[in-house]
Amino acid sequence: MARRLKLVKGAGRRATLVYGMRTFAPQQITAVENAVVRLADGSASRITMHVIEGTRAQIRSQLMRSVDAFFELLDE
């Protein structure tokens, strides 16, 4: 059973999730490299860009599993 979100003022840390996403034609990609994010303080941080291949249904299913896993890791 899915957990319901409970919003509590001031309860959780705020964050910004950056997840690179774009579709390409099959065999069009030769490499995927880390993305760089420029932060407000002038520093930079790297973000791994994820690649999911398959049909639309397969891609959607994998994306949902990936997002669920991401938040499970944050909860640990």
Protein backbone atom coordinates (compact mmCIF):
# COMPACT_ATOMS: atom_id res chain seq x y z
CA MET A 1 0.00 0.00 0.00
CA ALA A 2 1.37 3.40 -0.96
CA ARG A 3 2.27 5.76 1.85
CA ARG A 4 0.31 8.98 2.05
CA LEU A 5 2.21 12.22 2.28
CA LYS A 6 1.62 14.23 5.42
CA LEU A 7 2.60 17.86 5.13
CA VAL A 8 3.82 19.35 8.38
CA LYS A 9 4.99 22.96 8.49
CA GLY A 10 8.76 23.07 8.93
CA ALA A 11 9.04 19.28 9.21
CA GLY A 12 11.17 18.26 6.26
CA ARG A 13 14.29 19.52 4.59
CA ARG A 14 13.65 21.22 1.29
CA ALA A 15 15.60 20.03 -1.73
CA THR A 16 15.72 20.34 -5.48
CA LEU A 17 15.79 17.13 -7.52
CA VAL A 18 17.55 17.36 -10.87
CA TYR A 19 17.01 14.38 -13.12
CA GLY A 20 18.17 14.63 -16.70
CA MET A 21 15.58 13.39 -19.14
CA ARG A 22 15.27 13.48 -22.89
CA THR A 23 14.39 10.87 -25.50
CA PHE A 24 16.56 10.09 -28.52
CA ALA A 25 16.20 7.82 -31.51
CA PRO A 26 17.70 4.33 -31.08
CA GLN A 27 21.48 4.16 -31.72
CA GLN A 28 21.77 7.98 -31.68
CA ILE A 29 23.66 8.19 -28.36
CA THR A 30 27.36 7.42 -28.25
CA ALA A 31 28.10 8.59 -24.68
CA VAL A 32 26.47 10.01 -21.58
CA GLU A 33 28.64 12.21 -19.39
CA ASN A 34 28.13 13.82 -16.01
CA ALA A 35 26.25 17.08 -15.99
CA VAL A 36 27.55 20.09 -14.10
CA VAL A 37 25.26 22.27 -11.99
CA ARG A 38 26.36 25.77 -11.08
CA LEU A 39 25.34 26.65 -7.52
CA ALA A 40 24.33 30.04 -6.16
CA ASP A 41 27.60 30.36 -4.22
CA GLY A 42 29.60 30.08 -7.47
CA SER A 43 30.74 26.50 -6.95
CA ALA A 44 29.85 23.58 -9.19
CA SER A 45 28.49 20.13 -8.53
CA ARG A 46 28.18 17.08 -10.78
CA ILE A 47 24.98 15.16 -11.39
CA THR A 48 24.91 11.74 -12.96
CA MET A 49 22.56 11.65 -15.89
CA HIS A 50 20.53 8.45 -16.06
CA VAL A 51 19.81 6.54 -19.26
CA ILE A 52 16.74 4.35 -19.66
CA GLU A 53 16.10 2.53 -22.93
CA GLY A 54 13.02 0.64 -24.08
CA THR A 55 9.45 1.15 -25.15
CA ARG A 56 7.45 4.02 -23.70
CA ALA A 57 5.86 1.64 -21.19
CA GLN A 58 9.25 0.15 -20.23
CA ILE A 59 10.82 3.59 -19.83
CA ARG A 60 7.92 4.84 -17.69
CA SER A 61 8.04 1.75 -15.48
CA GLN A 62 11.81 2.02 -14.95
CA LEU A 63 11.61 5.76 -14.27
CA MET A 64 8.98 5.23 -11.58
CA ARG A 65 11.11 2.50 -9.96
CA SER A 66 14.17 4.76 -10.12
CA VAL A 67 12.35 7.67 -8.51
CA ASP A 68 10.97 5.39 -5.78
CA ALA A 69 14.46 4.01 -5.09
CA PHE A 70 15.92 7.53 -4.96
CA PHE A 71 13.50 8.59 -2.23
CA GLU A 72 13.98 5.33 -0.31
CA LEU A 73 17.72 6.06 -0.19
CA LEU A 74 17.03 9.59 1.05
CA ASP A 75 14.92 8.19 3.89
CA GLU A 76 17.79 6.02 5.20
